[in-house]
Amino acid sequence: MIAIRQYRDSDKEYLRKICIETSKLPIETKKQRDFLCLAFNDYYTEVEGENCFVAVNEKDEPVGYILCAENFDRYFKIMKKFYLPDIRKLGLNHWLMIQGEIAVHRAFRKKYPAHLHVDILDVCQGQGVGTRLMNELKEHLKSKGIHQLMLSCGESNRQAVAFYKKNGFQIIKKLAGSCIMACEF
Protein backbone atom coordinates (compact mmCIF):
# COMPACT_ATOMS: atom_id res chain seq x y z
CA MET A 1 0.00 0.00 0.00
CA ILE A 2 1.45 3.34 -1.07
CA ALA A 3 0.68 6.36 1.14
CA ILE A 4 1.19 10.05 0.36
CA ARG A 5 2.67 12.37 2.97
CA GLN A 6 4.56 15.64 3.40
CA TYR A 7 8.28 15.61 2.66
CA ARG A 8 10.65 15.26 5.64
CA ASP A 9 14.34 16.15 5.75
CA SER A 10 15.11 12.47 6.39
CA ASP A 11 13.70 11.71 2.90
CA LYS A 12 16.35 13.74 1.07
CA GLU A 13 18.75 10.92 0.10
CA TYR A 14 15.87 8.67 -0.98
CA LEU A 15 14.58 11.45 -3.25
CA ARG A 16 18.02 12.04 -4.71
CA LYS A 17 18.27 8.31 -5.54
CA ILE A 18 14.81 8.35 -7.14
CA CYS A 19 15.78 11.43 -9.17
CA ILE A 20 18.82 9.60 -10.53
CA GLU A 21 17.10 6.24 -11.05
CA THR A 22 14.16 7.71 -12.98
CA SER A 23 16.14 10.14 -15.12
CA LYS A 24 15.84 10.03 -18.89
CA LEU A 25 19.25 11.73 -19.10
CA PRO A 26 22.46 9.69 -19.30
CA ILE A 27 23.90 8.96 -15.85
CA GLU A 28 27.32 7.46 -16.16
CA THR A 29 29.43 9.73 -13.96
CA LYS A 30 29.32 11.35 -10.53
CA LYS A 31 29.11 14.75 -12.26
CA GLN A 32 25.96 13.67 -14.09
CA ARG A 33 24.39 12.40 -10.84
CA ASP A 34 25.36 15.59 -9.01
CA PHE A 35 23.89 17.70 -11.82
CA LEU A 36 20.54 15.88 -11.70
CA CYS A 37 20.25 16.37 -7.96
CA LEU A 38 21.35 20.00 -7.98
CA ALA A 39 19.15 20.94 -10.93
CA PHE A 40 15.98 18.96 -10.27
CA ASN A 41 15.89 18.01 -6.61
CA ASP A 42 18.00 19.82 -4.02
CA TYR A 43 16.56 23.33 -4.35
CA TYR A 44 13.03 22.02 -3.82
CA THR A 45 13.80 19.83 -0.80
CA GLU A 46 16.20 22.29 0.82
CA VAL A 47 14.25 25.51 0.24
CA GLU A 48 10.61 24.59 -0.38
CA GLY A 49 10.14 21.34 1.52
CA GLU A 50 6.65 22.49 2.51
CA ASN A 51 5.71 22.25 -1.20
CA CYS A 52 7.02 18.70 -1.59
CA PHE A 53 5.15 15.44 -1.11
CA VAL A 54 6.33 11.86 -1.17
CA ALA A 55 4.77 8.51 -1.94
CA VAL A 56 5.98 5.96 0.61
CA ASN A 57 5.81 2.18 0.91
CA GLU A 58 4.77 0.17 3.98
CA LYS A 59 8.20 0.85 5.55
CA ASP A 60 7.68 4.63 5.10
CA GLU A 61 10.44 4.67 2.46
CA PRO A 62 9.89 7.08 -0.44
CA VAL A 63 9.14 5.47 -3.80
CA GLY A 64 8.13 8.67 -5.58
CA TYR A 65 7.72 12.38 -5.11
CA ILE A 66 6.34 15.64 -6.39
CA LEU A 67 8.43 18.77 -5.83
CA CYS A 68 7.25 22.32 -6.39
CA ALA A 69 8.57 25.85 -6.47
CA GLU A 70 5.56 28.06 -5.83
CA ASN A 71 7.05 31.30 -7.14
CA PHE A 72 9.50 31.44 -10.06
CA ASP A 73 11.08 34.76 -9.06
CA ARG A 74 11.95 33.47 -5.57
CA TYR A 75 13.15 30.17 -7.07
CA PHE A 76 15.41 31.94 -9.56
CA LYS A 77 16.91 34.32 -7.01
CA ILE A 78 17.93 31.45 -4.71
CA MET A 79 18.87 29.08 -7.54
CA LYS A 80 21.13 31.72 -9.09
CA LYS A 81 22.94 32.46 -5.82
CA PHE A 82 23.30 29.00 -4.30
CA TYR A 83 22.85 26.27 -6.93
CA LEU A 84 23.87 27.59 -10.35
CA PRO A 85 27.49 28.22 -9.30
CA ASP A 86 27.84 24.55 -8.29
CA ILE A 87 26.15 23.42 -11.50
CA ARG A 88 28.55 25.61 -13.49
CA LYS A 89 31.50 23.87 -11.80
CA LEU A 90 30.19 20.56 -13.14
CA GLY A 91 30.67 21.73 -16.72
CA LEU A 92 29.35 24.04 -19.40
CA ASN A 93 26.92 21.45 -20.81
CA HIS A 94 25.22 21.02 -17.44
CA TRP A 95 25.05 24.77 -16.91
CA LEU A 96 23.55 25.34 -20.38
CA MET A 97 20.98 22.60 -19.83
CA ILE A 98 19.67 24.14 -16.60
CA GLN A 99 19.74 27.61 -18.18
CA GLY A 100 17.37 26.29 -20.86
CA GLU A 101 15.05 24.83 -18.23
CA ILE A 102 15.06 28.10 -16.29
CA ALA A 103 14.42 30.14 -19.46
CA VAL A 104 11.29 28.10 -20.17
CA HIS A 105 9.90 28.73 -16.70
CA ARG A 106 10.86 32.40 -16.86
CA ALA A 107 8.94 32.85 -20.13
CA PHE A 108 5.67 31.67 -18.54
CA ARG A 109 6.16 32.81 -14.93
CA LYS A 110 3.58 35.61 -15.01
CA LYS A 111 0.68 33.31 -15.83
CA TYR A 112 2.12 30.15 -14.24
CA PRO A 113 4.35 31.16 -11.30
CA ALA A 114 4.62 27.64 -9.84
CA HIS A 115 6.38 24.70 -11.44
CA LEU A 116 6.89 21.07 -10.51
CA HIS A 117 8.94 17.93 -10.91
CA VAL A 118 7.50 14.47 -10.32
CA ASP A 119 9.25 11.11 -10.35
CA ILE A 120 8.04 7.66 -9.35
CA LEU A 121 10.01 4.43 -9.34
CA ASP A 122 9.01 2.12 -12.20
CA VAL A 123 7.76 -0.57 -9.82
CA CYS A 124 5.12 1.85 -8.45
CA GLN A 125 3.95 3.35 -11.74
CA GLY A 126 0.51 2.60 -13.14
CA GLN A 127 -1.04 2.43 -9.66
CA GLY A 128 -2.44 5.97 -9.47
CA VAL A 129 0.45 7.19 -7.31
CA GLY A 130 1.29 10.08 -9.64
CA THR A 131 -2.30 11.29 -9.71
CA ARG A 132 -2.51 11.12 -5.93
CA LEU A 133 0.72 13.12 -5.61
CA MET A 134 -0.58 15.67 -8.15
CA ASN A 135 -3.90 16.04 -6.31
CA GLU A 136 -2.10 16.52 -2.98
CA LEU A 137 0.08 19.25 -4.46
CA LYS A 138 -2.84 21.02 -6.15
CA GLU A 139 -4.86 21.06 -2.92
CA HIS A 140 -1.83 22.37 -1.04
CA LEU A 141 -1.26 25.13 -3.60
CA LYS A 142 -4.96 26.07 -3.62
CA SER A 143 -4.80 26.54 0.16
CA LYS A 144 -2.02 29.08 -0.50
CA GLY A 145 -4.04 30.89 -3.19
CA ILE A 146 -2.01 29.46 -6.07
CA HIS A 147 -4.11 28.10 -8.93
CA GLN A 148 -1.66 27.80 -11.86
CA LEU A 149 1.10 25.27 -12.36
CA MET A 150 3.52 24.40 -15.17
CA LEU A 151 6.26 21.96 -16.11
CA SER A 152 8.33 20.84 -19.04
CA CYS A 153 8.95 17.29 -20.20
CA GLY A 154 10.41 15.60 -23.21
CA GLU A 155 8.08 15.60 -26.20
CA SER A 156 9.10 12.00 -26.93
CA ASN A 157 8.12 10.91 -23.39
CA ARG A 158 4.60 9.96 -24.46
CA GLN A 159 3.81 8.28 -21.15
CA ALA A 160 4.58 11.48 -19.21
CA VAL A 161 2.66 13.69 -21.66
CA ALA A 162 -0.38 11.41 -21.37
CA PHE A 163 -0.11 11.41 -17.56
CA TYR A 164 -0.02 15.20 -17.39
CA LYS A 165 -2.93 15.55 -19.82
CA LYS A 166 -4.93 13.10 -17.69
CA ASN A 167 -4.20 15.37 -14.72
CA GLY A 168 -5.49 18.56 -16.35
CA PHE A 169 -2.38 19.88 -18.08
CA GLN A 170 -2.37 21.16 -21.64
CA ILE A 171 0.55 21.69 -23.97
CA ILE A 172 1.08 25.44 -24.21
CA LYS A 173 4.23 25.31 -26.34
CA LYS A 174 6.60 22.85 -27.96
CA LEU A 175 10.21 23.91 -27.91
CA ALA A 176 13.42 22.06 -28.89
CA GLY A 177 12.01 18.60 -28.22
CA SER A 178 10.19 19.63 -25.04
CA CYS A 179 6.54 20.07 -24.23
CA ILE A 180 5.74 23.01 -22.01
CA MET A 181 2.58 22.08 -20.16
CA ALA A 182 0.39 24.00 -17.75
CA CYS A 183 -2.88 23.81 -15.88
CA GLU A 184 -5.21 26.02 -13.91
CA PHE A 185 -7.19 24.53 -11.04
C-alpha atoms as a PDB file:
ATOM      1  CA  MET A   1       0.000   0.000   0.000  1.00  0.00           C
ATOM      2  CA  ILE A   2       1.453   3.343  -1.068  1.00  0.00           C
ATOM      3  CA  ALA A   3       0.684   6.356   1.135  1.00  0.00           C
ATOM      4  CA  ILE A   4       1.195  10.051   0.365  1.00  0.00           C
ATOM      5  CA  ARG A   5       2.669  12.365   2.971  1.00  0.00           C
ATOM      6  CA  GLN A   6       4.556  15.636   3.399  1.00  0.00           C
ATOM      7  CA  TYR A   7       8.281  15.607   2.655  1.00  0.00           C
ATOM      8  CA  ARG A   8      10.647  15.261   5.639  1.00  0.00           C
ATOM      9  CA  ASP A   9      14.343  16.151   5.747  1.00  0.00           C
ATOM     10  CA  SER A  10      15.108  12.471   6.390  1.00  0.00           C
ATOM     11  CA  ASP A  11      13.704  11.714   2.901  1.00  0.00           C
ATOM     12  CA  LYS A  12      16.355  13.736   1.073  1.00  0.00           C
ATOM     13  CA  GLU A  13      18.748  10.915   0.105  1.00  0.00           C
ATOM     14  CA  TYR A  14      15.867   8.675  -0.979  1.00  0.00           C
ATOM     15  CA  LEU A  15      14.577  11.446  -3.245  1.00  0.00           C
ATOM     16  CA  ARG A  16      18.020  12.045  -4.710  1.00  0.00           C
ATOM     17  CA  LYS A  17      18.273   8.311  -5.536  1.00  0.00           C
ATOM     18  CA  ILE A  18      14.812   8.350  -7.138  1.00  0.00           C
ATOM     19  CA  CYS A  19      15.785  11.430  -9.166  1.00  0.00           C
ATOM     20  CA  ILE A  20      18.818   9.598 -10.533  1.00  0.00           C
ATOM     21  CA  GLU A  21      17.099   6.243 -11.050  1.00  0.00           C
ATOM     22  CA  THR A  22      14.161   7.707 -12.977  1.00  0.00           C
ATOM     23  CA  SER A  23      16.140  10.142 -15.124  1.00  0.00           C
ATOM     24  CA  LYS A  24      15.843  10.034 -18.889  1.00  0.00           C
ATOM     25  CA  LEU A  25      19.249  11.735 -19.103  1.00  0.00           C
ATOM     26  CA  PRO A  26      22.457   9.691 -19.296  1.00  0.00           C
ATOM     27  CA  ILE A  27      23.896   8.962 -15.849  1.00  0.00           C
ATOM     28  CA  GLU A  28      27.324   7.459 -16.163  1.00  0.00           C
ATOM     29  CA  THR A  29      29.426   9.725 -13.960  1.00  0.00           C
ATOM     30  CA  LYS A  30      29.319  11.346 -10.533  1.00  0.00           C
ATOM     31  CA  LYS A  31      29.115  14.749 -12.256  1.00  0.00           C
ATOM     32  CA  GLN A  32      25.956  13.671 -14.087  1.00  0.00           C
ATOM     33  CA  ARG A  33      24.392  12.400 -10.844  1.00  0.00           C
ATOM     34  CA  ASP A  34      25.363  15.592  -9.014  1.00  0.00           C
ATOM     35  CA  PHE A  35      23.891  17.697 -11.820  1.00  0.00           C
ATOM     36  CA  LEU A  36      20.538  15.882 -11.701  1.00  0.00           C
ATOM     37  CA  CYS A  37      20.247  16.367  -7.957  1.00  0.00           C
ATOM     38  CA  LEU A  38      21.352  20.005  -7.979  1.00  0.00           C
ATOM     39  CA  ALA A  39      19.148  20.938 -10.928  1.00  0.00           C
ATOM     40  CA  PHE A  40      15.979  18.961 -10.268  1.00  0.00           C
ATOM     41  CA  ASN A  41      15.889  18.007  -6.608  1.00  0.00           C
ATOM     42  CA  ASP A  42      17.999  19.816  -4.019  1.00  0.00           C
ATOM     43  CA  TYR A  43      16.559  23.332  -4.349  1.00  0.00           C
ATOM     44  CA  TYR A  44      13.029  22.016  -3.817  1.00  0.00           C
ATOM     45  CA  THR A  45      13.801  19.827  -0.803  1.00  0.00           C
ATOM     46  CA  GLU A  46      16.201  22.295   0.819  1.00  0.00           C
ATOM     47  CA  VAL A  47      14.254  25.507   0.237  1.00  0.00           C
ATOM     48  CA  GLU A  48      10.612  24.588  -0.377  1.00  0.00           C
ATOM     49  CA  GLY A  49      10.143  21.345   1.522  1.00  0.00           C
ATOM     50  CA  GLU A  50       6.651  22.485   2.510  1.00  0.00           C
ATOM     51  CA  ASN A  51       5.709  22.253  -1.197  1.00  0.00           C
ATOM     52  CA  CYS A  52       7.021  18.702  -1.592  1.00  0.00           C
ATOM     53  CA  PHE A  53       5.150  15.440  -1.114  1.00  0.00           C
ATOM     54  CA  VAL A  54       6.335  11.858  -1.171  1.00  0.00           C
ATOM     55  CA  ALA A  55       4.769   8.513  -1.935  1.00  0.00           C
ATOM     56  CA  VAL A  56       5.980   5.958   0.613  1.00  0.00           C
ATOM     57  CA  ASN A  57       5.814   2.181   0.908  1.00  0.00           C
ATOM     58  CA  GLU A  58       4.768   0.170   3.984  1.00  0.00           C
ATOM     59  CA  LYS A  59       8.196   0.846   5.555  1.00  0.00           C
ATOM     60  CA  ASP A  60       7.684   4.626   5.104  1.00  0.00           C
ATOM     61  CA  GLU A  61      10.440   4.673   2.460  1.00  0.00           C
ATOM     62  CA  PRO A  62       9.894   7.082  -0.444  1.00  0.00           C
ATOM     63  CA  VAL A  63       9.140   5.465  -3.797  1.00  0.00           C
ATOM     64  CA  GLY A  64       8.131   8.667  -5.578  1.00  0.00           C
ATOM     65  CA  TYR A  65       7.724  12.379  -5.114  1.00  0.00           C
ATOM     66  CA  ILE A  66       6.341  15.642  -6.394  1.00  0.00           C
ATOM     67  CA  LEU A  67       8.425  18.769  -5.830  1.00  0.00           C
ATOM     68  CA  CYS A  68       7.250  22.316  -6.392  1.00  0.00           C
ATOM     69  CA  ALA A  69       8.569  25.854  -6.467  1.00  0.00           C
ATOM     70  CA  GLU A  70       5.559  28.060  -5.830  1.00  0.00           C
ATOM     71  CA  ASN A  71       7.048  31.296  -7.145  1.00  0.00           C
ATOM     72  CA  PHE A  72       9.498  31.440 -10.058  1.00  0.00           C
ATOM     73  CA  ASP A  73      11.082  34.756  -9.057  1.00  0.00           C
ATOM     74  CA  ARG A  74      11.945  33.474  -5.569  1.00  0.00           C
ATOM     75  CA  TYR A  75      13.152  30.171  -7.069  1.00  0.00           C
ATOM     76  CA  PHE A  76      15.412  31.937  -9.560  1.00  0.00           C
ATOM     77  CA  LYS A  77      16.906  34.318  -7.007  1.00  0.00           C
ATOM     78  CA  ILE A  78      17.931  31.452  -4.711  1.00  0.00           C
ATOM     79  CA  MET A  79      18.871  29.078  -7.538  1.00  0.00           C
ATOM     80  CA  LYS A  80      21.131  31.721  -9.085  1.00  0.00           C
ATOM     81  CA  LYS A  81      22.937  32.461  -5.824  1.00  0.00           C
ATOM     82  CA  PHE A  82      23.299  28.999  -4.298  1.00  0.00           C
ATOM     83  CA  TYR A  83      22.849  26.270  -6.926  1.00  0.00           C
ATOM     84  CA  LEU A  84      23.870  27.588 -10.347  1.00  0.00           C
ATOM     85  CA  PRO A  85      27.491  28.220  -9.300  1.00  0.00           C
ATOM     86  CA  ASP A  86      27.843  24.548  -8.287  1.00  0.00           C
ATOM     87  CA  ILE A  87      26.154  23.416 -11.499  1.00  0.00           C
ATOM     88  CA  ARG A  88      28.550  25.609 -13.491  1.00  0.00           C
ATOM     89  CA  LYS A  89      31.498  23.874 -11.796  1.00  0.00           C
ATOM     90  CA  LEU A  90      30.189  20.556 -13.141  1.00  0.00           C
ATOM     91  CA  GLY A  91      30.669  21.733 -16.720  1.00  0.00           C
ATOM     92  CA  LEU A  92      29.351  24.041 -19.395  1.00  0.00           C
ATOM     93  CA  ASN A  93      26.921  21.453 -20.814  1.00  0.00           C
ATOM     94  CA  HIS A  94      25.223  21.021 -17.442  1.00  0.00           C
ATOM     95  CA  TRP A  95      25.055  24.768 -16.915  1.00  0.00           C
ATOM     96  CA  LEU A  96      23.555  25.344 -20.376  1.00  0.00           C
ATOM     97  CA  MET A  97      20.978  22.599 -19.830  1.00  0.00           C
ATOM     98  CA  ILE A  98      19.670  24.139 -16.603  1.00  0.00           C
ATOM     99  CA  GLN A  99      19.738  27.607 -18.178  1.00  0.00           C
ATOM    100  CA  GLY A 100      17.375  26.289 -20.859  1.00  0.00           C
ATOM    101  CA  GLU A 101      15.054  24.830 -18.230  1.00  0.00           C
ATOM    102  CA  ILE A 102      15.064  28.100 -16.291  1.00  0.00           C
ATOM    103  CA  ALA A 103      14.420  30.136 -19.462  1.00  0.00           C
ATOM    104  CA  VAL A 104      11.289  28.096 -20.169  1.00  0.00           C
ATOM    105  CA  HIS A 105       9.899  28.725 -16.704  1.00  0.00           C
ATOM    106  CA  ARG A 106      10.860  32.404 -16.861  1.00  0.00           C
ATOM    107  CA  ALA A 107       8.935  32.847 -20.128  1.00  0.00           C
ATOM    108  CA  PHE A 108       5.674  31.666 -18.541  1.00  0.00           C
ATOM    109  CA  ARG A 109       6.163  32.812 -14.934  1.00  0.00           C
ATOM    110  CA  LYS A 110       3.578  35.613 -15.010  1.00  0.00           C
ATOM    111  CA  LYS A 111       0.685  33.307 -15.832  1.00  0.00           C
ATOM    112  CA  TYR A 112       2.124  30.149 -14.236  1.00  0.00           C
ATOM    113  CA  PRO A 113       4.352  31.157 -11.304  1.00  0.00           C
ATOM    114  CA  ALA A 114       4.618  27.639  -9.837  1.00  0.00           C
ATOM    115  CA  HIS A 115       6.376  24.695 -11.442  1.00  0.00           C
ATOM    116  CA  LEU A 116       6.889  21.071 -10.505  1.00  0.00           C
ATOM    117  CA  HIS A 117       8.942  17.929 -10.910  1.00  0.00           C
ATOM    118  CA  VAL A 118       7.498  14.471 -10.317  1.00  0.00           C
ATOM    119  CA  ASP A 119       9.249  11.113 -10.346  1.00  0.00           C
ATOM    120  CA  ILE A 120       8.045   7.663  -9.350  1.00  0.00           C
ATOM    121  CA  LEU A 121      10.008   4.427  -9.339  1.00  0.00           C
ATOM    122  CA  ASP A 122       9.008   2.121 -12.202  1.00  0.00           C
ATOM    123  CA  VAL A 123       7.760  -0.566  -9.821  1.00  0.00           C
ATOM    124  CA  CYS A 124       5.123   1.854  -8.453  1.00  0.00           C
ATOM    125  CA  GLN A 125       3.946   3.347 -11.743  1.00  0.00           C
ATOM    126  CA  GLY A 126       0.514   2.596 -13.141  1.00  0.00           C
ATOM    127  CA  GLN A 127      -1.043   2.432  -9.662  1.00  0.00           C
ATOM    128  CA  GLY A 128      -2.438   5.965  -9.473  1.00  0.00           C
ATOM    129  CA  VAL A 129       0.451   7.190  -7.308  1.00  0.00           C
ATOM    130  CA  GLY A 130       1.289  10.084  -9.644  1.00  0.00           C
ATOM    131  CA  THR A 131      -2.301  11.290  -9.711  1.00  0.00           C
ATOM    132  CA  ARG A 132      -2.513  11.119  -5.926  1.00  0.00           C
ATOM    133  CA  LEU A 133       0.718  13.121  -5.613  1.00  0.00           C
ATOM    134  CA  MET A 134      -0.575  15.666  -8.152  1.00  0.00           C
ATOM    135  CA  ASN A 135      -3.896  16.042  -6.307  1.00  0.00           C
ATOM    136  CA  GLU A 136      -2.100  16.524  -2.981  1.00  0.00           C
ATOM    137  CA  LEU A 137       0.081  19.255  -4.462  1.00  0.00           C
ATOM    138  CA  LYS A 138      -2.837  21.020  -6.148  1.00  0.00           C
ATOM    139  CA  GLU A 139      -4.859  21.056  -2.918  1.00  0.00           C
ATOM    140  CA  HIS A 140      -1.831  22.366  -1.040  1.00  0.00           C
ATOM    141  CA  LEU A 141      -1.263  25.127  -3.597  1.00  0.00           C
ATOM    142  CA  LYS A 142      -4.961  26.073  -3.617  1.00  0.00           C
ATOM    143  CA  SER A 143      -4.798  26.542   0.163  1.00  0.00           C
ATOM    144  CA  LYS A 144      -2.021  29.083  -0.497  1.00  0.00           C
ATOM    145  CA  GLY A 145      -4.045  30.895  -3.191  1.00  0.00           C
ATOM    146  CA  ILE A 146      -2.005  29.455  -6.071  1.00  0.00           C
ATOM    147  CA  HIS A 147      -4.110  28.099  -8.933  1.00  0.00           C
ATOM    148  CA  GLN A 148      -1.657  27.803 -11.855  1.00  0.00           C
ATOM    149  CA  LEU A 149       1.100  25.269 -12.365  1.00  0.00           C
ATOM    150  CA  MET A 150       3.519  24.398 -15.167  1.00  0.00           C
ATOM    151  CA  LEU A 151       6.259  21.965 -16.110  1.00  0.00           C
ATOM    152  CA  SER A 152       8.332  20.841 -19.038  1.00  0.00           C
ATOM    153  CA  CYS A 153       8.946  17.294 -20.201  1.00  0.00           C
ATOM    154  CA  GLY A 154      10.413  15.599 -23.208  1.00  0.00           C
ATOM    155  CA  GLU A 155       8.081  15.604 -26.195  1.00  0.00           C
ATOM    156  CA  SER A 156       9.097  11.995 -26.929  1.00  0.00           C
ATOM    157  CA  ASN A 157       8.122  10.908 -23.395  1.00  0.00           C
ATOM    158  CA  ARG A 158       4.597   9.956 -24.458  1.00  0.00           C
ATOM    159  CA  GLN A 159       3.814   8.280 -21.145  1.00  0.00           C
ATOM    160  CA  ALA A 160       4.579  11.482 -19.211  1.00  0.00           C
ATOM    161  CA  VAL A 161       2.665  13.694 -21.658  1.00  0.00           C
ATOM    162  CA  ALA A 162      -0.383  11.406 -21.367  1.00  0.00           C
ATOM    163  CA  PHE A 163      -0.112  11.411 -17.564  1.00  0.00           C
ATOM    164  CA  TYR A 164      -0.019  15.201 -17.389  1.00  0.00           C
ATOM    165  CA  LYS A 165      -2.929  15.547 -19.817  1.00  0.00           C
ATOM    166  CA  LYS A 166      -4.926  13.104 -17.691  1.00  0.00           C
ATOM    167  CA  ASN A 167      -4.202  15.374 -14.717  1.00  0.00           C
ATOM    168  CA  GLY A 168      -5.491  18.562 -16.351  1.00  0.00           C
ATOM    169  CA  PHE A 169      -2.383  19.883 -18.083  1.00  0.00           C
ATOM    170  CA  GLN A 170      -2.374  21.155 -21.638  1.00  0.00           C
ATOM    171  CA  ILE A 171       0.548  21.685 -23.965  1.00  0.00           C
ATOM    172  CA  ILE A 172       1.081  25.438 -24.205  1.00  0.00           C
ATOM    173  CA  LYS A 173       4.226  25.307 -26.336  1.00  0.00           C
ATOM    174  CA  LYS A 174       6.596  22.852 -27.964  1.00  0.00           C
ATOM    175  CA  LEU A 175      10.209  23.907 -27.910  1.00  0.00           C
ATOM    176  CA  ALA A 176      13.417  22.064 -28.889  1.00  0.00           C
ATOM    177  CA  GLY A 177      12.008  18.597 -28.223  1.00  0.00           C
ATOM    178  CA  SER A 178      10.187  19.626 -25.043  1.00  0.00           C
ATOM    179  CA  CYS A 179       6.537  20.070 -24.234  1.00  0.00           C
ATOM    180  CA  ILE A 180       5.745  23.006 -22.006  1.00  0.00           C
ATOM    181  CA  MET A 181       2.581  22.079 -20.158  1.00  0.00           C
ATOM    182  CA  ALA A 182       0.385  23.998 -17.751  1.00  0.00           C
ATOM    183  CA  CYS A 183      -2.884  23.806 -15.882  1.00  0.00           C
ATOM    184  CA  GLU A 184      -5.208  26.021 -13.908  1.00  0.00           C
ATOM    185  CA  PHE A 185      -7.193  24.530 -11.045  1.00  0.00           C
END
